[in-house]
C-alpha atoms as a PDB file:
ATOM      1  CA  MET A   1     -15.810  -7.489 -13.616  1.00  0.00           C
ATOM      2  CA  GLY A   2     -16.649 -10.690 -12.138  1.00  0.00           C
ATOM      3  CA  LEU A   3     -18.603  -9.630  -8.756  1.00  0.00           C
ATOM      4  CA  VAL A   4     -20.824 -11.421  -6.393  1.00  0.00           C
ATOM      5  CA  VAL A   5     -22.793 -10.026  -3.313  1.00  0.00           C
ATOM      6  CA  PHE A   6     -24.271 -11.702  -0.579  1.00  0.00           C
ATOM      7  CA  LYS A   7     -25.683 -11.805   2.531  1.00  0.00           C
ATOM      8  CA  TRP A   8     -24.739 -14.962   4.692  1.00  0.00           C
ATOM      9  CA  GLY A   9     -26.571 -15.866   8.567  1.00  0.00           C
ATOM     10  CA  TYR A  10     -27.680 -18.700  10.267  1.00  0.00           C
ATOM     11  CA  ASN A  11     -28.211 -21.560   7.799  1.00  0.00           C
ATOM     12  CA  LYS A  12     -29.297 -19.141   5.223  1.00  0.00           C
ATOM     13  CA  LEU A  13     -27.407 -17.524   2.366  1.00  0.00           C
ATOM     14  CA  THR A  14     -28.819 -14.841  -0.796  1.00  0.00           C
ATOM     15  CA  LEU A  15     -26.032 -14.172  -3.024  1.00  0.00           C
ATOM     16  CA  LEU A  16     -26.371 -12.391  -6.420  1.00  0.00           C
ATOM     17  CA  GLN A  17     -23.379 -12.841  -9.225  1.00  0.00           C
ATOM     18  CA  ASN A  18     -22.372 -11.584 -11.958  1.00  0.00           C
ATOM     19  CA  ARG A  19     -19.876 -13.073 -13.982  1.00  0.00           C
ATOM     20  CA  GLU A  20     -21.337 -16.686 -15.507  1.00  0.00           C
ATOM     21  CA  GLN A  21     -21.068 -17.048 -19.435  1.00  0.00           C
ATOM     22  CA  GLN A  22     -22.914 -20.448 -19.930  1.00  0.00           C
ATOM     23  CA  PRO A  23     -26.534 -21.466 -18.951  1.00  0.00           C
ATOM     24  CA  ALA A  24     -25.819 -23.507 -14.753  1.00  0.00           C
ATOM     25  CA  ALA A  25     -26.927 -26.717 -15.511  1.00  0.00           C
ATOM     26  CA  TRP A  26     -26.423 -30.579 -12.888  1.00  0.00           C
ATOM     27  CA  ASP A  27     -23.883 -32.394 -12.821  1.00  0.00           C
ATOM     28  CA  ASP A  28     -23.948 -35.819 -14.354  1.00  0.00           C
ATOM     29  CA  ASP A  29     -24.727 -37.423 -10.750  1.00  0.00           C
ATOM     30  CA  ASN A  30     -27.603 -34.521 -10.074  1.00  0.00           C
ATOM     31  CA  GLN A  31     -25.681 -33.485  -7.240  1.00  0.00           C
ATOM     32  CA  ILE A  32     -24.015 -30.458  -8.244  1.00  0.00           C
ATOM     33  CA  LEU A  33     -26.087 -27.033  -9.891  1.00  0.00           C
ATOM     34  CA  ARG A  34     -23.211 -24.596 -11.354  1.00  0.00           C
ATOM     35  CA  GLY A  35     -22.905 -22.248 -13.551  1.00  0.00           C
ATOM     36  CA  VAL A  36     -20.809 -23.532 -16.618  1.00  0.00           C
ATOM     37  CA  PRO A  37     -18.000 -21.080 -18.035  1.00  0.00           C
ATOM     38  CA  GLU A  38     -17.232 -20.928 -21.713  1.00  0.00           C
ATOM     39  CA  ASP A  39     -14.200 -21.867 -22.118  1.00  0.00           C
ATOM     40  CA  ASN A  40     -13.735 -24.691 -19.606  1.00  0.00           C
ATOM     41  CA  PHE A  41     -15.353 -27.189 -16.836  1.00  0.00           C
ATOM     42  CA  GLY A  42     -14.634 -25.380 -13.556  1.00  0.00           C
ATOM     43  CA  THR A  43     -17.005 -23.189 -12.323  1.00  0.00           C
ATOM     44  CA  TRP A  44     -17.565 -19.451 -10.981  1.00  0.00           C
ATOM     45  CA  CYS A  45     -20.473 -20.397  -9.126  1.00  0.00           C
ATOM     46  CA  GLY A  46     -21.897 -23.783  -7.874  1.00  0.00           C
ATOM     47  CA  ILE A  47     -24.183 -25.419  -5.019  1.00  0.00           C
ATOM     48  CA  SER A  48     -24.115 -28.951  -3.816  1.00  0.00           C
ATOM     49  CA  LYS A  49     -27.264 -31.050  -2.640  1.00  0.00           C
ATOM     50  CA  ARG A  50     -25.444 -31.382   0.530  1.00  0.00           C
ATOM     51  CA  GLY A  51     -25.019 -27.490   1.032  1.00  0.00           C
ATOM     52  CA  ARG A  52     -21.508 -27.168  -0.196  1.00  0.00           C
ATOM     53  CA  VAL A  53     -21.198 -23.516  -1.673  1.00  0.00           C
ATOM     54  CA  ALA A  54     -18.423 -22.043  -3.641  1.00  0.00           C
ATOM     55  CA  PHE A  55     -18.179 -19.247  -5.471  1.00  0.00           C
ATOM     56  CA  VAL A  56     -15.208 -17.800  -7.103  1.00  0.00           C
ATOM     57  CA  VAL A  57     -13.819 -14.269  -8.653  1.00  0.00           C
ATOM     58  CA  ASN A  58     -10.430 -13.069 -10.584  1.00  0.00           C
ATOM     59  CA  SER A  59      -9.760 -10.757 -12.880  1.00  0.00           C
ATOM     60  CA  SER A  60      -9.844 -12.414 -16.395  1.00  0.00           C
ATOM     61  CA  CYS A  61     -13.119 -13.636 -18.256  1.00  0.00           C
ATOM     62  CA  SER A  62     -11.312 -17.115 -18.922  1.00  0.00           C
ATOM     63  CA  LEU A  63     -10.825 -19.504 -15.955  1.00  0.00           C
ATOM     64  CA  SER A  64      -7.104 -20.914 -14.934  1.00  0.00           C
ATOM     65  CA  PRO A  65      -6.712 -24.392 -14.014  1.00  0.00           C
ATOM     66  CA  SER A  66      -6.778 -23.205 -10.095  1.00  0.00           C
ATOM     67  CA  MET A  67     -10.880 -22.632 -11.331  1.00  0.00           C
ATOM     68  CA  HIS A  68     -11.868 -26.393 -10.924  1.00  0.00           C
ATOM     69  CA  ARG A  69     -10.685 -26.217  -7.505  1.00  0.00           C
ATOM     70  CA  PRO A  70     -14.482 -24.709  -6.271  1.00  0.00           C
ATOM     71  CA  ILE A  71     -15.815 -28.200  -8.070  1.00  0.00           C
ATOM     72  CA  ASP A  72     -13.083 -30.591  -5.415  1.00  0.00           C
ATOM     73  CA  PHE A  73     -14.754 -29.024  -2.256  1.00  0.00           C
ATOM     74  CA  LEU A  74     -18.736 -29.210  -3.806  1.00  0.00           C
ATOM     75  CA  ARG A  75     -17.159 -33.038  -4.399  1.00  0.00           C
ATOM     76  CA  GLY A  76     -15.561 -33.362  -1.350  1.00  0.00           C
ATOM     77  CA  GLU A  77     -15.138 -33.723   2.201  1.00  0.00           C
ATOM     78  CA  MET A  78     -12.896 -31.020   3.661  1.00  0.00           C
ATOM     79  CA  SER A  79     -13.914 -28.156   5.553  1.00  0.00           C
ATOM     80  CA  PRO A  80     -14.099 -24.704   4.166  1.00  0.00           C
ATOM     81  CA  MET A  81     -11.060 -23.995   6.291  1.00  0.00           C
ATOM     82  CA  GLU A  82      -9.318 -26.890   5.485  1.00  0.00           C
ATOM     83  CA  PHE A  83     -10.034 -26.754   1.102  1.00  0.00           C
ATOM     84  CA  ALA A  84      -9.178 -22.972   1.833  1.00  0.00           C
ATOM     85  CA  ARG A  85      -5.863 -23.593   3.502  1.00  0.00           C
ATOM     86  CA  ALA A  86      -4.999 -25.554   0.779  1.00  0.00           C
ATOM     87  CA  TRP A  87      -5.984 -23.579  -2.211  1.00  0.00           C
ATOM     88  CA  SER A  88      -4.712 -20.651  -1.145  1.00  0.00           C
ATOM     89  CA  SER A  89      -1.322 -22.179  -0.057  1.00  0.00           C
ATOM     90  CA  ASP A  90      -1.019 -24.121  -3.096  1.00  0.00           C
ATOM     91  CA  ASN A  91       1.901 -23.232  -5.218  1.00  0.00           C
ATOM     92  CA  ASP A  92       2.177 -25.363  -7.815  1.00  0.00           C
ATOM     93  CA  HIS A  93       3.235 -23.337 -10.724  1.00  0.00           C
ATOM     94  CA  ARG A  94       2.216 -25.634 -13.440  1.00  0.00           C
ATOM     95  CA  LEU A  95      -1.524 -25.605 -11.907  1.00  0.00           C
ATOM     96  CA  ASP A  96      -1.477 -21.677 -12.112  1.00  0.00           C
ATOM     97  CA  ARG A  97       0.588 -20.857 -15.178  1.00  0.00           C
ATOM     98  CA  ILE A  98      -2.633 -19.275 -17.092  1.00  0.00           C
ATOM     99  CA  SER A  99      -3.481 -16.944 -13.850  1.00  0.00           C
ATOM    100  CA  SER A 100       0.284 -15.936 -13.139  1.00  0.00           C
ATOM    101  CA  GLY A 101      -0.259 -12.554 -12.626  1.00  0.00           C
ATOM    102  CA  LEU A 102      -4.510 -12.026 -11.625  1.00  0.00           C
ATOM    103  CA  ASN A 103      -5.971 -11.365  -9.114  1.00  0.00           C
ATOM    104  CA  CYS A 104      -7.826 -14.535  -7.336  1.00  0.00           C
ATOM    105  CA  PHE A 105     -10.383 -15.172  -4.729  1.00  0.00           C
ATOM    106  CA  MET A 106     -12.607 -17.827  -3.378  1.00  0.00           C
ATOM    107  CA  ILE A 107     -14.605 -18.373  -1.347  1.00  0.00           C
ATOM    108  CA  VAL A 108     -16.367 -21.347   0.230  1.00  0.00           C
ATOM    109  CA  ALA A 109     -19.197 -22.452   2.501  1.00  0.00           C
ATOM    110  CA  ASP A 110     -20.914 -25.547   4.375  1.00  0.00           C
ATOM    111  CA  ILE A 111     -24.395 -23.993   5.003  1.00  0.00           C
ATOM    112  CA  ASN A 112     -25.484 -27.356   7.277  1.00  0.00           C
ATOM    113  CA  ALA A 113     -22.571 -26.274   9.446  1.00  0.00           C
ATOM    114  CA  ASN A 114     -22.852 -23.053   9.264  1.00  0.00           C
ATOM    115  CA  SER A 115     -19.037 -22.007   8.136  1.00  0.00           C
ATOM    116  CA  MET A 116     -17.848 -20.030   5.283  1.00  0.00           C
ATOM    117  CA  VAL A 117     -14.396 -19.256   4.590  1.00  0.00           C
ATOM    118  CA  TYR A 118     -12.563 -16.541   2.269  1.00  0.00           C
ATOM    119  CA  ALA A 119      -9.275 -17.656   0.297  1.00  0.00           C
ATOM    120  CA  SER A 120      -7.023 -15.143  -1.320  1.00  0.00           C
ATOM    121  CA  LYS A 121      -4.625 -16.620  -4.198  1.00  0.00           C
ATOM    122  CA  THR A 122      -3.188 -13.153  -4.970  1.00  0.00           C
ATOM    123  CA  SER A 123      -1.767 -13.025  -1.571  1.00  0.00           C
ATOM    124  CA  PRO A 124      -2.082 -16.312   0.297  1.00  0.00           C
ATOM    125  CA  ARG A 125      -5.092 -15.399   2.722  1.00  0.00           C
ATOM    126  CA  VAL A 126      -7.604 -17.130   4.846  1.00  0.00           C
ATOM    127  CA  LEU A 127     -10.145 -15.679   6.834  1.00  0.00           C
ATOM    128  CA  GLU A 128     -13.782 -16.931   8.491  1.00  0.00           C
ATOM    129  CA  VAL A 129     -16.385 -14.954   6.783  1.00  0.00           C
ATOM    130  CA  ALA A 130     -18.678 -13.091   9.183  1.00  0.00           C
ATOM    131  CA  PHE A 131     -22.582 -13.236   8.985  1.00  0.00           C
ATOM    132  CA  GLY A 132     -24.040 -10.224   7.411  1.00  0.00           C
ATOM    133  CA  VAL A 133     -23.428  -8.505   3.792  1.00  0.00           C
ATOM    134  CA  HIS A 134     -20.348  -8.719   2.048  1.00  0.00           C
ATOM    135  CA  THR A 135     -19.075  -8.131  -1.365  1.00  0.00           C
ATOM    136  CA  LEU A 136     -16.316 -10.602  -3.331  1.00  0.00           C
ATOM    137  CA  ALA A 137     -14.926  -8.464  -6.236  1.00  0.00           C
ATOM    138  CA  SER A 138     -12.173  -9.499  -9.064  1.00  0.00           C
ATOM    139  CA  VAL A 139     -10.335  -6.109  -8.039  1.00  0.00           C
ATOM    140  CA  THR A 140     -10.811  -5.746  -4.496  1.00  0.00           C
ATOM    141  CA  GLY A 141     -11.160  -9.403  -3.052  1.00  0.00           C
ATOM    142  CA  LEU A 142     -13.431  -9.398   0.377  1.00  0.00           C
ATOM    143  CA  ASP A 143     -15.498  -6.863   1.365  1.00  0.00           C
ATOM    144  CA  SER A 144     -13.574  -3.287   0.031  1.00  0.00           C
ATOM    145  CA  ASP A 145     -16.132  -1.651  -1.521  1.00  0.00           C
ATOM    146  CA  GLY A 146     -15.200   1.593  -0.598  1.00  0.00           C
ATOM    147  CA  ASP A 147     -11.851   1.280  -2.685  1.00  0.00           C
ATOM    148  CA  TYR A 148     -14.018   1.088  -6.188  1.00  0.00           C
ATOM    149  CA  TYR A 149     -17.307   2.729  -7.264  1.00  0.00           C
ATOM    150  CA  LEU A 150     -19.401  -0.210  -9.043  1.00  0.00           C
ATOM    151  CA  VAL A 151     -18.851  -2.499  -6.053  1.00  0.00           C
ATOM    152  CA  LYS A 152     -19.800   0.033  -3.694  1.00  0.00           C
ATOM    153  CA  ARG A 153     -23.120   0.295  -5.791  1.00  0.00           C
ATOM    154  CA  GLN A 154     -23.708  -3.213  -6.010  1.00  0.00           C
ATOM    155  CA  LYS A 155     -23.518  -3.641  -2.310  1.00  0.00           C
ATOM    156  CA  GLU A 156     -26.017  -0.477  -1.516  1.00  0.00           C
ATOM    157  CA  LEU A 157     -28.825  -1.929  -4.305  1.00  0.00           C
ATOM    158  CA  PHE A 158     -28.273  -5.689  -2.966  1.00  0.00           C
ATOM    159  CA  SER A 159     -28.893  -4.235   0.804  1.00  0.00           C
ATOM    160  CA  GLU A 160     -32.139  -2.196  -0.417  1.00  0.00           C
ATOM    161  CA  MET A 161     -33.301  -5.310  -1.901  1.00  0.00           C
ATOM    162  CA  ILE A 162     -32.706  -7.369   0.958  1.00  0.00           C
ATOM    163  CA  SER A 163     -34.536  -4.665   3.257  1.00  0.00           C
ATOM    164  CA  LYS A 164     -37.233  -4.122   0.308  1.00  0.00           C
ATOM    165  CA  TYR A 165     -38.274  -8.226   0.649  1.00  0.00           C
ATOM    166  CA  LYS A 166     -37.517  -9.325   3.856  1.00  0.00           C
ATOM    167  CA  LYS A 167     -40.994 -10.244   4.838  1.00  0.00           C
ATOM    168  CA  ARG A 168     -41.592 -12.353   2.060  1.00  0.00           C
ATOM    169  CA  LYS A 169     -40.869 -15.961   2.588  1.00  0.00           C
ATOM    170  CA  VAL A 170     -38.849 -16.129  -1.055  1.00  0.00           C
ATOM    171  CA  PRO A 171     -37.013 -12.933  -2.023  1.00  0.00           C
ATOM    172  CA  PRO A 172     -38.115 -12.726  -5.647  1.00  0.00           C
ATOM    173  CA  LEU A 173     -34.766 -13.736  -7.363  1.00  0.00           C
ATOM    174  CA  LYS A 174     -35.975 -12.966 -10.906  1.00  0.00           C
ATOM    175  CA  ASP A 175     -36.032  -8.805  -9.934  1.00  0.00           C
ATOM    176  CA  MET A 176     -33.077  -8.798  -7.802  1.00  0.00           C
ATOM    177  CA  ALA A 177     -30.824 -10.447 -10.562  1.00  0.00           C
ATOM    178  CA  GLU A 178     -32.764  -7.583 -13.270  1.00  0.00           C
ATOM    179  CA  ASN A 179     -32.101  -4.777 -10.651  1.00  0.00           C
ATOM    180  CA  PHE A 180     -28.374  -6.021  -9.737  1.00  0.00           C
ATOM    181  CA  MET A 181     -27.380  -5.922 -13.448  1.00  0.00           C
ATOM    182  CA  TYR A 182     -29.275  -2.655 -15.241  1.00  0.00           C
ATOM    183  CA  LYS A 183     -28.962  -0.826 -12.394  1.00  0.00           C
ATOM    184  CA  GLY A 184     -25.842  -1.357 -11.370  1.00  0.00           C
ATOM    185  CA  ASP A 185     -24.024  -1.228 -13.839  1.00  0.00           C
ATOM    186  CA  ARG A 186     -25.985   1.645 -15.599  1.00  0.00           C
ATOM    187  CA  SER A 187     -24.874   3.884 -12.259  1.00  0.00           C
ATOM    188  CA  ALA A 188     -21.382   3.281 -12.906  1.00  0.00           C
ATOM    189  CA  PRO A 189     -19.502   4.929 -15.983  1.00  0.00           C
ATOM    190  CA  HIS A 190     -19.425   3.058 -19.452  1.00  0.00           C
ATOM    191  CA  ASN A 191     -17.013   0.334 -20.636  1.00  0.00           C
ATOM    192  CA  SER A 192     -16.752  -2.698 -21.325  1.00  0.00           C
ATOM    193  CA  SER A 193     -15.297  -4.241 -18.257  1.00  0.00           C
ATOM    194  CA  ASN A 194     -18.503  -3.143 -16.132  1.00  0.00           C
ATOM    195  CA  GLU A 195     -21.055  -5.382 -19.231  1.00  0.00           C
ATOM    196  CA  THR A 196     -22.914  -8.112 -17.192  1.00  0.00           C
ATOM    197  CA  LEU A 197     -23.102 -11.237 -19.423  1.00  0.00           C
ATOM    198  CA  SER A 198     -24.927 -13.024 -16.709  1.00  0.00           C
ATOM    199  CA  THR A 199     -26.477 -13.026 -13.489  1.00  0.00           C
ATOM    200  CA  ILE A 200     -26.835 -15.644 -11.185  1.00  0.00           C
ATOM    201  CA  ALA A 201     -28.870 -15.662  -7.999  1.00  0.00           C
ATOM    202  CA  LEU A 202     -28.989 -17.584  -5.271  1.00  0.00           C
ATOM    203  CA  ALA A 203     -31.337 -18.165  -1.697  1.00  0.00           C
ATOM    204  CA  VAL A 204     -30.889 -20.684   0.543  1.00  0.00           C
ATOM    205  CA  LYS A 205     -33.656 -20.884   3.519  1.00  0.00           C
ATOM    206  CA  PRO A 206     -33.178 -22.078   6.905  1.00  0.00           C
ATOM    207  CA  ASN A 207     -35.709 -24.871   5.734  1.00  0.00           C
ATOM    208  CA  GLU A 208     -33.353 -26.102   3.586  1.00  0.00           C
ATOM    209  CA  ASP A 209     -34.985 -24.653   0.368  1.00  0.00           C
ATOM    210  CA  VAL A 210     -32.661 -23.940  -2.608  1.00  0.00           C
ATOM    211  CA  ASN A 211     -34.318 -21.307  -5.350  1.00  0.00           C
ATOM    212  CA  PHE A 212     -31.774 -20.712  -7.484  1.00  0.00           C
ATOM    213  CA  TYR A 213     -32.305 -18.172 -11.001  1.00  0.00           C
ATOM    214  CA  GLN A 214     -29.869 -17.280 -13.929  1.00  0.00           C
ATOM    215  CA  ARG A 215     -30.640 -14.496 -16.374  1.00  0.00           C
ATOM    216  CA  TYR A 216     -27.731 -14.977 -19.271  1.00  0.00           C
ATOM    217  CA  LEU A 217     -27.214 -13.679 -23.061  1.00  0.00           C
ATOM    218  CA  LYS A 218     -27.336 -16.381 -25.516  1.00  0.00           C
ATOM    219  CA  ASN A 219     -26.642 -15.920 -29.134  1.00  0.00           C
ATOM    220  CA  GLY A 220     -27.878 -12.502 -28.821  1.00  0.00           C
ATOM    221  CA  THR A 221     -30.539 -13.010 -26.956  1.00  0.00           C
ATOM    222  CA  TRP A 222     -31.640 -13.011 -23.013  1.00  0.00           C
ATOM    223  CA  LYS A 223     -32.729 -15.788 -21.763  1.00  0.00           C
ATOM    224  CA  ASP A 224     -33.747 -17.161 -18.115  1.00  0.00           C
ATOM    225  CA  HIS A 225     -34.037 -20.463 -16.080  1.00  0.00           C
ATOM    226  CA  SER A 226     -34.083 -21.263 -12.508  1.00  0.00           C
ATOM    227  CA  PHE A 227     -33.769 -24.593 -10.280  1.00  0.00           C
ATOM    228  CA  THR A 228     -35.186 -25.466  -6.988  1.00  0.00           C
ATOM    229  CA  PHE A 229     -34.442 -28.247  -4.577  1.00  0.00           C
ATOM    230  CA  LYS A 230     -33.815 -29.463  -0.737  1.00  0.00           C
ATOM    231  CA  ILE A 231     -30.418 -29.370   0.794  1.00  0.00           C
ATOM    232  CA  THR A 232     -29.652 -32.768   2.516  1.00  0.00           C
ATOM    233  CA  ALA A 233     -27.288 -33.877   5.175  1.00  0.00           C
END
């Protein structure tokens, strides 16, 4: 199941996501850092050096053509609200023929502008995301954690970690990712849809420092890597 839990605040963001299947990498121009899905060139989670962030969840393990659109936002100039409205209302059936009948939800944000917007493809809808702790899940969309045990449990774990590490200048992303992956999965009824192949942890600080950590399964072995950079205007 695709799941993101995040805390959004003034010029800052802390995020944990279970989904990406391949190691994250910089694009050719070294401006966008994103997870690279196994069977597509889109992304489920990415951030640009300009402070633009996009993440998507859907009810399939593969990306449909519409999932390429987060890259358009990361590279583009549209505001989060403008982009979300365009994406949510896009009814080009050729674009989404693969994802027909699937849940599909996206969040786009501009850290510098303190703007974050949620968009639903399932039932066209856009919504400004207020500061605070939120969830985005492939089965429920935004903040419907009360309807699904695993989502509720992961939100509780995330809130506990945020409280525990609130005095640290940079949260220990490796520890947070491991706890999010293992404790959350083990607390839920075991089935293949709850198994996690990768977790991304992202922290953007008010001073524009970005820390990105990913733990992923590669050829049966757990590996990890991290990136740090500064947001520019």
